[in-house]
Amino acid sequence: MGEDQAMSAEEAELKVAIERVLSSPSRKKLVVAGPGTGKTSLFRQMLELADGEPDRCIVLTFINNLKDDLEDELSGLAEVFTLHSYCLGLLYRNATLRARLSKSFRCCPGLGSLIREDWEIIEKCKAPHFIREMRNIEEENHIPFYLARGEYYDAVDFDDTVYRVYEGLTSGGAVLDSYDLVLVDEYQDFNRLEAGFIDLLGQESPILIAGDDDQALFSQLRDSSWNYIRLLHQAGEYEVFNLPFCIRCPKVVVDAVSDVLARAQELHRLEGRIEKPYKHFPPLKGADSAMYSKIALVETTVQRETANYMGRYIEQAIANIPGDEIEEAAAGGYPAVLVIVAQPYRSQIISHLESVQYASTQGEIPRTSWIASWDCRF
């Protein structure tokens, strides 16, 4: 029996979906795919097929944790940056983009707060929302004051780093480098300014953008919006692809996601959502799905440090994890347990687990650890 004959229907469907992306001659590609569908694996295959040296390919993502994960996964196939660090590098290399900043200017997180104080002292009124004006590229704005103060301090913050580069490029004062391939991850978390910069990159180089409007987590915090990936999906400029299978989760989790989405659509909470396949992948997760076929709903009458029922329950659940799964997590370099819960309960639960000798790392997912904890508030 040949390799293709031995494939399951799901494996064959996934192979076709990936081959469509890899074989497409389009210079502009958009991959809309849910969590755990293999976007990083697709990135690797795209880079392995790319012409030229690794420094001729770049990968841009949203935050440092994602950047670090991509660097590990792509292992020297491309230069990996956060969008802000990439723009910072452009400012250091290009005197035209720097304008009146010196070549040894500093990146100072929190500079925006200092400049707001400057405005209130100088103008004797409440400071405008400089950062919001930048993120939304507002025509009526007070940004020149902000940029001038940044040049006075010879410093930049994250948002004005991107703004300075974007303005320098759109005004014709500088030209972007071209690359053999540009890959962009988590596009749904970019704001209008960042989406505008990505558009400039796509004018100069072959580009693949990956994202999912269902995973837009930062719209309340940094003016990002799922609308930018939806507009890209509708405009027709990019060839659109899907990765249909979740290869990370058992069937019960994939089905739960589908149920939540279906109910949200019934309530008209997802108007304009991009329709996309999101299916269980039996060839990889079938055994896990059979073993873990239900989501446990556990209720407690009280939860506090001195009556730590959540912590005790999770302790028991951890004790029931088979040893081979613990070993698999250790070999793969990922946490065996994720505790995703809001404060104050997170600290209480982690405190209990540490008291019974479970090692943990709070705040981020480490590469090698027993337990990782996330605060579920975004």
Protein backbone atom coordinates (compact mmCIF):
# COMPACT_ATOMS: atom_id res chain seq x y z
CA MET A 1 0.00 0.00 0.00
CA GLY A 2 1.43 3.37 -1.03
CA GLU A 3 1.94 6.32 1.30
CA ASP A 4 -1.09 8.22 -0.04
CA GLN A 5 -3.29 5.10 0.24
CA ALA A 6 -2.22 4.65 3.87
CA MET A 7 -3.31 8.19 4.73
CA SER A 8 -6.54 8.78 6.53
CA ALA A 9 -9.07 11.14 4.96
CA GLU A 10 -8.07 13.81 7.48
CA GLU A 11 -4.37 13.48 6.70
CA ALA A 12 -5.07 13.72 2.98
CA GLU A 13 -7.23 16.83 3.49
CA LEU A 14 -4.54 18.48 5.60
CA LYS A 15 -1.86 17.64 3.05
CA VAL A 16 -3.91 19.24 0.27
CA ALA A 17 -4.49 22.37 2.37
CA ILE A 18 -0.77 22.77 3.05
CA GLU A 19 0.24 22.05 -0.55
CA ARG A 20 -2.18 24.74 -1.78
CA VAL A 21 -0.25 27.32 0.23
CA LEU A 22 3.21 26.02 -0.63
CA SER A 23 2.55 25.72 -4.37
CA SER A 24 0.68 29.00 -4.84
CA PRO A 25 2.54 31.54 -7.00
CA SER A 26 0.72 34.47 -5.33
CA ARG A 27 3.00 37.13 -3.86
CA LYS A 28 0.37 37.93 -1.22
CA LYS A 29 -1.10 35.11 0.86
CA LEU A 30 -3.46 35.21 3.84
CA VAL A 31 -3.80 32.12 6.04
CA VAL A 32 -6.86 32.31 8.30
CA ALA A 33 -6.62 29.46 10.79
CA GLY A 34 -7.65 28.74 14.36
CA PRO A 35 -5.39 27.92 17.33
CA GLY A 36 -3.29 24.77 17.12
CA THR A 37 -3.77 24.32 13.37
CA GLY A 38 -0.08 24.21 12.46
CA LYS A 39 0.75 27.76 11.39
CA THR A 40 4.32 27.52 12.73
CA SER A 41 4.88 24.24 10.87
CA LEU A 42 3.62 25.95 7.71
CA PHE A 43 6.04 28.83 8.31
CA ARG A 44 8.90 26.36 8.53
CA GLN A 45 7.95 24.70 5.25
CA MET A 46 7.58 28.07 3.53
CA LEU A 47 11.04 29.11 4.70
CA GLU A 48 12.62 25.80 3.67
CA LEU A 49 11.32 26.40 0.14
CA ALA A 50 12.37 30.05 0.03
CA ASP A 51 15.29 31.08 -2.16
CA GLY A 52 18.34 32.77 -0.72
CA GLU A 53 19.90 33.02 2.73
CA PRO A 54 18.05 33.19 6.09
CA ASP A 55 18.82 36.89 6.44
CA ARG A 56 16.75 37.46 3.29
CA CYS A 57 13.61 36.21 5.08
CA ILE A 58 11.95 37.82 8.09
CA VAL A 59 9.22 36.75 10.48
CA LEU A 60 7.26 39.38 12.39
CA THR A 61 5.01 38.72 15.35
CA PHE A 62 3.32 40.52 18.17
CA ILE A 63 5.05 40.03 21.55
CA ASN A 64 8.41 38.77 22.81
CA ASN A 65 7.11 35.42 24.08
CA LEU A 66 5.79 34.58 20.62
CA LYS A 67 9.04 35.80 19.05
CA ASP A 68 11.06 33.51 21.32
CA ASP A 69 8.88 30.52 20.48
CA LEU A 70 9.18 31.19 16.75
CA GLU A 71 12.96 31.54 17.00
CA ASP A 72 13.12 28.14 18.66
CA GLU A 73 10.76 26.52 16.16
CA LEU A 74 12.28 28.05 13.03
CA SER A 75 15.89 27.56 14.17
CA GLY A 76 17.91 29.80 11.89
CA LEU A 77 15.70 29.72 8.81
CA ALA A 78 14.85 33.43 9.10
CA GLU A 79 15.37 36.55 11.17
CA VAL A 80 12.55 36.77 13.74
CA PHE A 81 11.41 40.09 15.24
CA THR A 82 8.55 41.66 17.06
CA LEU A 83 7.14 44.41 14.88
CA HIS A 84 8.41 47.03 17.31
CA SER A 85 11.96 45.64 17.46
CA TYR A 86 12.08 45.47 13.65
CA CYS A 87 11.05 49.13 13.36
CA LEU A 88 13.55 50.06 16.08
CA GLY A 89 16.29 48.48 14.00
CA LEU A 90 15.17 50.49 10.96
CA LEU A 91 15.45 53.71 12.94
CA TYR A 92 18.98 52.87 14.07
CA ARG A 93 20.05 52.00 10.51
CA ASN A 94 18.35 54.81 8.62
CA ALA A 95 19.17 58.44 9.38
CA THR A 96 16.26 59.69 7.26
CA LEU A 97 13.75 57.77 9.37
CA ARG A 98 15.40 58.98 12.59
CA ALA A 99 14.94 62.63 11.59
CA ARG A 100 16.28 64.68 14.55
CA LEU A 101 16.98 61.69 16.78
CA SER A 102 20.68 60.99 17.20
CA LYS A 103 22.16 57.70 16.01
CA SER A 104 22.55 56.68 19.68
CA PHE A 105 18.97 57.42 20.77
CA ARG A 106 17.44 55.22 23.48
CA CYS A 107 14.30 53.10 23.62
CA CYS A 108 12.56 54.08 26.86
CA PRO A 109 9.30 52.28 27.70
CA GLY A 110 7.10 54.78 29.53
CA LEU A 111 8.29 57.77 27.52
CA GLY A 112 4.68 58.44 26.53
CA SER A 113 3.70 59.10 30.15
CA LEU A 114 6.54 61.58 30.56
CA ILE A 115 5.50 63.46 27.40
CA ARG A 116 1.90 63.62 28.64
CA GLU A 117 3.20 65.31 31.79
CA ASP A 118 5.23 67.71 29.63
CA TRP A 119 2.09 68.69 27.73
CA GLU A 120 0.16 69.40 30.92
CA ILE A 121 2.98 71.57 32.27
CA ILE A 122 3.56 73.45 29.02
CA GLU A 123 -0.01 73.73 27.72
CA LYS A 124 -1.68 73.85 31.16
CA CYS A 125 -4.47 71.50 30.14
CA LYS A 126 -5.18 67.78 30.04
CA ALA A 127 -2.90 65.92 27.64
CA PRO A 128 -4.38 64.42 24.45
CA HIS A 129 -4.23 60.69 23.76
CA PHE A 130 -1.00 60.78 21.73
CA ILE A 131 -0.65 56.99 21.52
CA ARG A 132 -4.24 56.47 20.42
CA GLU A 133 -3.76 59.11 17.72
CA MET A 134 -0.69 57.25 16.45
CA ARG A 135 -2.27 53.81 16.58
CA ASN A 136 -5.28 54.97 14.60
CA ILE A 137 -3.31 57.29 12.26
CA GLU A 138 -5.75 60.10 13.07
CA GLU A 139 -5.59 63.04 10.68
CA GLU A 140 -6.38 65.61 13.36
CA ASN A 141 -3.74 64.96 15.98
CA HIS A 142 -1.19 66.36 18.41
CA ILE A 143 1.59 63.98 17.40
CA PRO A 144 4.12 66.67 16.33
CA PHE A 145 4.36 67.78 19.97
CA TYR A 146 5.04 64.18 21.02
CA LEU A 147 7.70 63.63 18.38
CA ALA A 148 9.44 66.91 19.22
CA ARG A 149 9.60 66.00 22.91
CA GLY A 150 10.91 62.56 22.01
CA GLU A 151 13.67 64.23 20.03
CA TYR A 152 14.37 66.53 23.00
CA TYR A 153 14.89 63.45 25.18
CA ASP A 154 16.58 61.62 22.28
CA ALA A 155 14.35 58.63 22.99
CA VAL A 156 11.46 56.57 21.63
CA ASP A 157 8.74 54.35 23.07
CA PHE A 158 7.16 51.35 21.31
CA ASP A 159 4.30 52.99 19.42
CA ASP A 160 6.15 56.05 18.21
CA THR A 161 8.91 53.76 16.93
CA VAL A 162 6.44 52.27 14.44
CA TYR A 163 4.86 55.67 13.77
CA ARG A 164 8.19 57.32 12.90
CA VAL A 165 9.02 54.54 10.46
CA TYR A 166 5.54 54.52 8.91
CA GLU A 167 5.49 58.28 8.42
CA GLY A 168 9.00 58.28 6.99
CA LEU A 169 8.08 55.59 4.47
CA THR A 170 4.68 56.95 3.42
CA SER A 171 6.10 60.46 2.95
CA GLY A 172 8.65 59.09 0.48
CA GLY A 173 11.61 60.00 2.63
CA ALA A 174 12.90 56.43 2.78
CA VAL A 175 12.41 53.06 1.07
CA LEU A 176 11.95 49.68 2.74
CA ASP A 177 14.36 46.82 2.13
CA SER A 178 12.95 43.98 0.05
CA TYR A 179 13.09 40.33 1.16
CA ASP A 180 12.71 36.92 -0.40
CA LEU A 181 9.84 36.25 2.01
CA VAL A 182 8.03 38.08 4.81
CA LEU A 183 5.93 36.06 7.27
CA VAL A 184 3.57 37.82 9.70
CA ASP A 185 1.96 36.03 12.64
CA GLU A 186 -1.00 37.01 14.89
CA TYR A 187 -2.19 39.70 12.49
CA GLN A 188 -5.51 39.99 14.33
CA ASP A 189 -3.70 41.69 17.23
CA PHE A 190 -2.28 44.53 15.13
CA ASN A 191 -3.76 48.03 15.16
CA ARG A 192 -4.32 50.35 12.20
CA LEU A 193 -0.80 51.78 12.30
CA GLU A 194 0.81 48.34 12.44
CA ALA A 195 -1.50 46.99 9.72
CA GLY A 196 -0.51 49.99 7.59
CA PHE A 197 3.16 49.18 8.06
CA ILE A 198 2.56 45.52 7.11
CA ASP A 199 0.86 46.77 3.94
CA LEU A 200 4.04 48.68 3.06
CA LEU A 201 6.10 45.52 3.54
CA GLY A 202 3.74 43.63 1.25
CA GLN A 203 4.31 46.19 -1.51
CA GLU A 204 8.05 45.42 -1.56
CA SER A 205 8.28 41.68 -0.85
CA PRO A 206 6.40 38.38 -1.15
CA ILE A 207 4.35 38.12 2.04
CA LEU A 208 2.29 35.58 3.95
CA ILE A 209 0.07 36.85 6.76
CA ALA A 210 -1.43 34.46 9.31
CA GLY A 211 -4.13 35.21 11.84
CA ASP A 212 -7.60 34.48 13.13
CA ASP A 213 -10.28 37.03 13.98
CA ASP A 214 -11.61 34.63 16.67
CA GLN A 215 -8.35 35.12 18.60
CA ALA A 216 -8.32 38.93 18.76
CA LEU A 217 -7.44 39.40 22.43
CA PHE A 218 -6.08 42.95 22.63
CA SER A 219 -8.80 45.17 21.14
CA GLN A 220 -9.59 46.59 24.58
CA LEU A 221 -5.96 47.37 25.40
CA ARG A 222 -4.06 48.69 22.41
CA ASP A 223 -6.55 49.73 19.72
CA SER A 224 -6.04 46.54 17.75
CA SER A 225 -9.04 45.16 15.88
CA TRP A 226 -10.20 42.01 14.14
CA ASN A 227 -11.50 44.29 11.40
CA TYR A 228 -8.07 44.54 9.77
CA ILE A 229 -7.82 40.82 9.07
CA ARG A 230 -11.48 40.79 7.99
CA LEU A 231 -10.86 43.63 5.55
CA LEU A 232 -7.80 41.84 4.20
CA HIS A 233 -9.91 38.70 3.77
CA GLN A 234 -12.61 40.58 1.85
CA ALA A 235 -10.50 42.87 -0.32
CA GLY A 236 -9.33 40.29 -2.86
CA GLU A 237 -5.72 41.48 -2.89
CA TYR A 238 -4.52 38.42 -0.95
CA GLU A 239 -5.09 34.80 -1.90
CA VAL A 240 -6.86 33.24 1.10
CA PHE A 241 -6.09 29.82 2.61
CA ASN A 242 -7.29 27.80 5.62
CA LEU A 243 -5.70 25.17 7.83
CA PRO A 244 -8.69 23.02 8.72
CA PHE A 245 -7.59 20.86 11.66
CA CYS A 246 -6.70 21.54 15.28
CA ILE A 247 -3.75 19.23 15.90
CA ARG A 248 -3.22 20.43 19.47
CA CYS A 249 -6.43 19.56 21.32
CA PRO A 250 -8.65 16.52 21.94
CA LYS A 251 -12.08 16.38 20.31
CA VAL A 252 -13.98 17.56 23.39
CA VAL A 253 -12.10 20.89 23.37
CA VAL A 254 -12.56 21.43 19.62
CA ASP A 255 -16.27 20.63 19.97
CA ALA A 256 -16.58 23.05 22.89
CA VAL A 257 -15.05 25.84 20.79
CA SER A 258 -17.54 25.08 18.01
CA ASP A 259 -20.43 25.16 20.50
CA VAL A 260 -19.34 28.55 21.88
CA LEU A 261 -19.02 30.00 18.37
CA ALA A 262 -22.39 28.61 17.31
CA ARG A 263 -24.10 30.11 20.36
CA ALA A 264 -22.37 33.46 19.87
CA GLN A 265 -23.57 33.54 16.28
CA GLU A 266 -27.13 32.75 17.37
CA LEU A 267 -26.93 35.81 19.64
CA HIS A 268 -25.58 37.94 16.75
CA ARG A 269 -22.31 38.58 18.61
CA LEU A 270 -20.05 37.66 15.69
CA GLU A 271 -21.34 39.78 12.83
CA GLY A 272 -18.72 39.90 10.07
CA ARG A 273 -16.77 36.92 11.42
CA ILE A 274 -14.61 35.04 8.91
CA GLU A 275 -16.07 31.57 8.45
CA LYS A 276 -13.36 28.94 8.71
CA PRO A 277 -13.07 25.17 9.28
CA TYR A 278 -11.92 24.04 12.72
CA LYS A 279 -12.01 20.29 13.08
CA HIS A 280 -10.69 17.51 15.30
CA PHE A 281 -7.68 15.62 13.90
CA PRO A 282 -8.04 11.92 14.81
CA PRO A 283 -4.70 10.72 13.38
CA LEU A 284 -2.81 12.71 16.00
CA LYS A 285 -5.32 13.34 18.79
CA GLY A 286 -7.58 10.29 18.54
CA ALA A 287 -6.04 8.45 21.51
CA ASP A 288 -6.10 11.58 23.67
CA SER A 289 -9.70 12.19 22.66
CA ALA A 290 -10.70 8.70 23.75
CA MET A 291 -8.89 9.05 27.08
CA TYR A 292 -10.08 12.60 27.78
CA SER A 293 -13.61 12.70 26.43
CA LYS A 294 -15.20 15.16 28.85
CA ILE A 295 -14.58 18.61 30.31
CA ALA A 296 -15.02 18.54 34.09
CA LEU A 297 -17.18 21.24 35.65
CA VAL A 298 -16.36 21.45 39.35
CA GLU A 299 -18.15 23.79 41.76
CA THR A 300 -16.97 24.80 45.24
CA THR A 301 -18.90 26.58 47.98
CA VAL A 302 -15.94 28.77 48.89
CA GLN A 303 -12.39 29.53 47.75
CA ARG A 304 -9.74 31.33 49.75
CA GLU A 305 -6.18 30.78 50.96
CA THR A 306 -7.34 28.99 54.11
CA ALA A 307 -10.01 26.95 52.31
CA ASN A 308 -8.16 26.21 49.09
CA TYR A 309 -10.57 23.80 47.43
CA MET A 310 -9.50 24.77 43.90
CA GLY A 311 -5.87 24.15 44.74
CA ARG A 312 -6.66 20.78 46.32
CA TYR A 313 -8.77 19.65 43.39
CA ILE A 314 -6.06 20.60 40.89
CA GLU A 315 -3.49 18.82 43.07
CA GLN A 316 -5.57 15.63 42.80
CA ALA A 317 -5.98 16.10 39.04
CA ILE A 318 -2.21 16.45 38.61
CA ALA A 319 -1.62 13.31 40.66
CA ASN A 320 -3.81 11.38 38.21
CA ILE A 321 -1.80 12.39 35.11
CA PRO A 322 -0.12 9.24 33.72
CA GLY A 323 3.64 9.17 34.09
CA ASP A 324 4.25 8.77 30.37
CA GLU A 325 2.44 12.06 29.73
CA ILE A 326 4.67 13.82 32.26
CA GLU A 327 7.72 12.37 30.51
CA GLU A 328 6.38 13.42 27.10
CA ALA A 329 5.94 17.01 28.31
CA ALA A 330 9.47 17.07 29.72
CA ALA A 331 10.93 15.66 26.50
CA GLY A 332 8.99 18.20 24.43
CA GLY A 333 10.08 21.12 26.59
CA TYR A 334 6.57 22.29 27.44
CA PRO A 335 4.64 22.51 30.74
CA ALA A 336 2.75 19.46 31.92
CA VAL A 337 0.03 21.65 33.47
CA LEU A 338 -1.42 25.07 32.64
CA VAL A 339 -3.32 26.92 35.34
CA ILE A 340 -5.33 29.65 33.60
CA VAL A 341 -7.41 31.57 36.12
CA ALA A 342 -8.11 35.11 37.31
CA GLN A 343 -6.65 36.67 40.43
CA PRO A 344 -6.85 36.33 43.38
CA TYR A 345 -7.45 32.63 42.78
CA ARG A 346 -4.38 32.09 40.62
CA SER A 347 -1.99 33.07 43.41
CA GLN A 348 -3.92 30.95 45.92
CA ILE A 349 -3.86 27.88 43.69
CA ILE A 350 -0.19 28.22 42.77
CA SER A 351 0.71 28.77 46.44
CA HIS A 352 -1.00 25.50 47.34
CA LEU A 353 0.67 23.58 44.53
CA GLU A 354 4.07 24.90 45.56
CA SER A 355 3.37 23.89 49.17
CA VAL A 356 2.97 20.28 47.98
CA GLN A 357 6.21 20.44 46.00
CA TYR A 358 4.93 21.14 42.50
CA ALA A 359 7.39 23.56 40.84
CA SER A 360 5.81 26.41 38.89
CA THR A 361 6.60 29.47 36.83
CA GLN A 362 4.10 32.30 37.02
CA GLY A 363 3.31 34.83 34.33
CA GLU A 364 4.64 33.12 31.21
CA ILE A 365 4.97 29.73 29.61
CA PRO A 366 8.55 28.56 30.13
CA ARG A 367 10.32 26.22 27.77
CA THR A 368 10.88 23.57 30.44
CA SER A 369 8.77 23.50 33.57
CA TRP A 370 6.33 21.47 35.56
CA ILE A 371 3.50 23.99 35.76
CA ALA A 372 2.90 27.30 34.01
CA SER A 373 0.23 29.74 35.09
CA TRP A 374 -1.56 32.46 33.17
CA ASP A 375 -3.82 35.19 34.39
CA CYS A 376 -6.93 34.84 32.23
CA ARG A 377 -7.70 38.59 32.24
CA PHE A 378 -6.59 40.36 29.04
